[in-house]
Amino acid sequence: MKWAYVDESVRVGRMIVASVVVDTGDLRRVRRAMRSLLLPGQRRLHLTDERLARRHLILDLVARQPLLALSVSGSTHGRRHA
């Protein structure tokens, strides 16, 4: 079985949908690794909130995890958003 986490971002004229898929057997290890990055008092990670050096640290740890990352980007021109 697998778990998937999905996030989307809409910018002027563009939408990006990103997903990370993790095997159930790796889920505990991946969650533990991600939680290890939280600073005292921090509840979530978001790269826009982090300094450049810390972004590199976070991305390095994510790149070493047993997961599949996918992203799709498309134009929003001519489409309605809910």
Protein backbone atom coordinates (compact mmCIF):
# COMPACT_ATOMS: atom_id res chain seq x y z
CA MET A 1 0.00 0.00 0.00
CA LYS A 2 1.10 3.57 -0.57
CA TRP A 3 0.43 6.99 0.94
CA ALA A 4 0.25 10.16 -1.15
CA TYR A 5 0.59 13.76 -0.06
CA VAL A 6 -0.58 16.46 -2.49
CA ASP A 7 -0.21 20.25 -2.55
CA GLU A 8 -1.11 22.86 -5.14
CA SER A 9 0.01 26.37 -5.88
CA VAL A 10 -1.67 28.90 -8.15
CA ARG A 11 0.26 31.87 -9.47
CA VAL A 12 -0.73 34.33 -12.15
CA GLY A 13 -1.64 32.20 -15.15
CA ARG A 14 -0.12 29.00 -13.77
CA MET A 15 -1.03 26.11 -11.49
CA ILE A 16 1.40 23.57 -10.07
CA VAL A 17 0.28 20.35 -8.39
CA ALA A 18 2.93 18.35 -6.54
CA SER A 19 2.61 14.91 -5.00
CA VAL A 20 4.85 12.68 -2.93
CA VAL A 21 4.13 8.94 -2.79
CA VAL A 22 5.57 6.78 0.00
CA ASP A 23 5.31 3.02 0.53
CA THR A 24 3.49 2.21 3.77
CA GLY A 25 6.54 0.30 4.99
CA ASP A 26 8.67 3.46 4.69
CA LEU A 27 6.10 5.87 6.06
CA ARG A 28 7.24 5.89 9.69
CA ARG A 29 10.87 6.43 8.68
CA VAL A 30 10.01 9.27 6.28
CA ARG A 31 7.74 10.99 8.80
CA ARG A 32 10.43 10.74 11.48
CA ALA A 33 13.02 12.22 9.12
CA MET A 34 10.73 15.11 8.20
CA ARG A 35 9.80 15.82 11.83
CA SER A 36 13.50 15.94 12.71
CA LEU A 37 13.70 19.13 10.63
CA LEU A 38 11.19 21.05 12.73
CA LEU A 39 12.70 23.78 14.87
CA PRO A 40 11.45 24.34 18.44
CA GLY A 41 7.93 25.77 18.24
CA GLN A 42 7.65 25.04 14.51
CA ARG A 43 4.55 23.04 13.51
CA ARG A 44 5.17 22.66 9.77
CA LEU A 45 7.80 23.08 7.11
CA HIS A 46 7.37 25.44 4.20
CA LEU A 47 10.34 26.42 2.07
CA THR A 48 9.13 29.99 1.62
CA ASP A 49 9.52 30.46 5.39
CA GLU A 50 13.12 29.20 5.46
CA ARG A 51 16.51 30.76 4.83
CA LEU A 52 18.50 29.56 1.82
CA ALA A 53 20.93 27.38 3.82
CA ARG A 54 18.06 25.69 5.64
CA ARG A 55 16.21 25.13 2.36
CA HIS A 56 19.26 23.23 1.11
CA LEU A 57 19.29 21.14 4.30
CA ILE A 58 15.59 20.29 3.94
CA LEU A 59 15.85 19.44 0.25
CA ASP A 60 18.93 17.27 0.86
CA LEU A 61 17.06 15.24 3.47
CA VAL A 62 13.97 14.90 1.26
CA ALA A 63 16.13 13.76 -1.69
CA ARG A 64 17.54 10.92 0.43
CA GLN A 65 14.10 9.55 1.38
CA PRO A 66 12.52 6.47 -0.23
CA LEU A 67 9.73 8.28 -2.04
CA LEU A 68 8.47 9.24 -5.48
CA ALA A 69 7.91 12.95 -6.14
CA LEU A 70 5.81 14.18 -9.05
CA SER A 71 4.76 17.62 -10.21
CA VAL A 72 2.48 18.87 -12.95
CA SER A 73 2.34 22.44 -14.20
CA GLY A 74 -0.25 23.97 -16.46
CA SER A 75 -1.77 27.20 -17.63
CA THR A 76 -4.86 28.56 -15.91
CA HIS A 77 -5.75 30.96 -18.73
CA GLY A 78 -9.33 30.49 -19.84
CA ARG A 79 -10.22 28.33 -16.85
CA ARG A 80 -12.36 29.11 -13.85
CA HIS A 81 -11.22 28.41 -10.28
CA ALA A 82 -13.49 27.38 -7.46
